Amino acid sequence: MGVMPLIILVSLVVAGGFVIAFVVAARGGQYDDTQTPAMRMLFDDEQRRSRPQQAEQATSEKPTTIHHNLHGRVR
């Protein structure tokens, strides 16, 4: 039973560390923007659809080149 006060003390120190970490994060602005992550999910599809079109345009404008690595294999 002599270990119980030590365990309680260690658990209070760990809990205090978590409280301090939370306060530092909250003051640093970690939790300021709670609306954007929920809204980002709604607009994600539009960005994914436009990326392949942009990639096709970018590849059609650039000349094709073949790169060889050190082993002579084509990338």
C-alpha atoms as a PDB file:
ATOM      1  CA  MET A   1       0.000   0.000   0.000  1.00  0.00           C
ATOM      2  CA  GLY A   2       3.009   2.290   0.169  1.00  0.00           C
ATOM      3  CA  VAL A   3       3.039   2.489  -3.622  1.00  0.00           C
ATOM      4  CA  MET A   4      -0.411   4.083  -3.860  1.00  0.00           C
ATOM      5  CA  PRO A   5       0.681   7.624  -2.892  1.00  0.00           C
ATOM      6  CA  LEU A   6       3.482   7.415  -5.449  1.00  0.00           C
ATOM      7  CA  ILE A   7       1.097   6.285  -8.191  1.00  0.00           C
ATOM      8  CA  ILE A   8      -1.359   9.054  -7.321  1.00  0.00           C
ATOM      9  CA  LEU A   9       1.431  11.638  -7.359  1.00  0.00           C
ATOM     10  CA  VAL A  10       2.721  10.444 -10.734  1.00  0.00           C
ATOM     11  CA  SER A  11      -0.785  10.458 -12.212  1.00  0.00           C
ATOM     12  CA  LEU A  12      -1.372  14.018 -10.970  1.00  0.00           C
ATOM     13  CA  VAL A  13       1.915  15.149 -12.517  1.00  0.00           C
ATOM     14  CA  VAL A  14       0.993  13.539 -15.845  1.00  0.00           C
ATOM     15  CA  ALA A  15      -2.504  15.064 -15.737  1.00  0.00           C
ATOM     16  CA  GLY A  16      -0.987  18.454 -14.949  1.00  0.00           C
ATOM     17  CA  GLY A  17       1.320  18.085 -17.934  1.00  0.00           C
ATOM     18  CA  PHE A  18      -1.644  17.426 -20.195  1.00  0.00           C
ATOM     19  CA  VAL A  19      -3.478  20.451 -18.805  1.00  0.00           C
ATOM     20  CA  ILE A  20      -0.438  22.658 -19.396  1.00  0.00           C
ATOM     21  CA  ALA A  21      -0.051  21.311 -22.943  1.00  0.00           C
ATOM     22  CA  PHE A  22      -3.720  22.038 -23.639  1.00  0.00           C
ATOM     23  CA  VAL A  23      -3.484  25.588 -22.298  1.00  0.00           C
ATOM     24  CA  VAL A  24      -0.364  26.280 -24.370  1.00  0.00           C
ATOM     25  CA  ALA A  25      -2.051  24.906 -27.503  1.00  0.00           C
ATOM     26  CA  ALA A  26      -5.237  26.874 -26.877  1.00  0.00           C
ATOM     27  CA  ARG A  27      -3.353  30.118 -26.342  1.00  0.00           C
ATOM     28  CA  GLY A  28      -1.242  29.459 -29.416  1.00  0.00           C
ATOM     29  CA  GLY A  29      -4.311  29.332 -31.656  1.00  0.00           C
ATOM     30  CA  GLN A  30      -4.447  25.582 -32.200  1.00  0.00           C
ATOM     31  CA  TYR A  31      -8.226  25.465 -31.792  1.00  0.00           C
ATOM     32  CA  ASP A  32      -9.207  28.813 -33.315  1.00  0.00           C
ATOM     33  CA  ASP A  33     -10.582  27.612 -36.655  1.00  0.00           C
ATOM     34  CA  THR A  34     -13.180  24.942 -36.011  1.00  0.00           C
ATOM     35  CA  GLN A  35     -15.380  25.671 -39.033  1.00  0.00           C
ATOM     36  CA  THR A  36     -12.989  25.269 -41.982  1.00  0.00           C
ATOM     37  CA  PRO A  37     -12.118  21.558 -41.563  1.00  0.00           C
ATOM     38  CA  ALA A  38     -15.810  20.673 -41.723  1.00  0.00           C
ATOM     39  CA  MET A  39     -16.308  22.854 -44.792  1.00  0.00           C
ATOM     40  CA  ARG A  40     -13.187  21.518 -46.524  1.00  0.00           C
ATOM     41  CA  MET A  41     -14.837  18.141 -46.935  1.00  0.00           C
ATOM     42  CA  LEU A  42     -17.629  19.713 -48.978  1.00  0.00           C
ATOM     43  CA  PHE A  43     -15.277  21.361 -51.482  1.00  0.00           C
ATOM     44  CA  ASP A  44     -12.747  18.548 -51.806  1.00  0.00           C
ATOM     45  CA  ASP A  45     -14.369  16.933 -54.873  1.00  0.00           C
ATOM     46  CA  GLU A  46     -14.153  20.084 -56.971  1.00  0.00           C
ATOM     47  CA  GLN A  47     -10.420  20.344 -56.367  1.00  0.00           C
ATOM     48  CA  ARG A  48      -9.833  16.700 -57.263  1.00  0.00           C
ATOM     49  CA  ARG A  49     -11.764  17.020 -60.503  1.00  0.00           C
ATOM     50  CA  SER A  50      -9.811  20.069 -61.616  1.00  0.00           C
ATOM     51  CA  ARG A  51      -6.379  18.587 -60.883  1.00  0.00           C
ATOM     52  CA  PRO A  52      -6.368  15.911 -63.630  1.00  0.00           C
ATOM     53  CA  GLN A  53      -7.353  18.529 -66.196  1.00  0.00           C
ATOM     54  CA  GLN A  54      -4.535  20.774 -65.043  1.00  0.00           C
ATOM     55  CA  ALA A  55      -2.111  17.853 -65.183  1.00  0.00           C
ATOM     56  CA  GLU A  56      -3.152  17.039 -68.756  1.00  0.00           C
ATOM     57  CA  GLN A  57      -2.661  20.648 -69.797  1.00  0.00           C
ATOM     58  CA  ALA A  58       0.740  20.788 -68.135  1.00  0.00           C
ATOM     59  CA  THR A  59       1.948  17.594 -69.803  1.00  0.00           C
ATOM     60  CA  SER A  60       0.714  18.632 -73.230  1.00  0.00           C
ATOM     61  CA  GLU A  61       2.644  21.901 -73.042  1.00  0.00           C
ATOM     62  CA  LYS A  62       5.982  20.391 -71.996  1.00  0.00           C
ATOM     63  CA  PRO A  63       8.178  18.431 -74.393  1.00  0.00           C
ATOM     64  CA  THR A  64       8.715  14.845 -73.387  1.00  0.00           C
ATOM     65  CA  THR A  65      12.181  13.882 -72.241  1.00  0.00           C
ATOM     66  CA  ILE A  66      13.599  10.554 -71.165  1.00  0.00           C
ATOM     67  CA  HIS A  67      15.625  10.426 -67.974  1.00  0.00           C
ATOM     68  CA  HIS A  68      18.090   7.651 -67.249  1.00  0.00           C
ATOM     69  CA  ASN A  69      19.084   6.843 -63.728  1.00  0.00           C
ATOM     70  CA  LEU A  70      22.483   5.514 -62.654  1.00  0.00           C
ATOM     71  CA  HIS A  71      21.597   1.940 -63.607  1.00  0.00           C
ATOM     72  CA  GLY A  72      20.601   2.845 -67.153  1.00  0.00           C
ATOM     73  CA  ARG A  73      16.902   2.291 -66.581  1.00  0.00           C
ATOM     74  CA  VAL A  74      14.429   4.718 -68.078  1.00  0.00           C
ATOM     75  CA  ARG A  75      12.197   6.555 -65.631  1.00  0.00           C
END
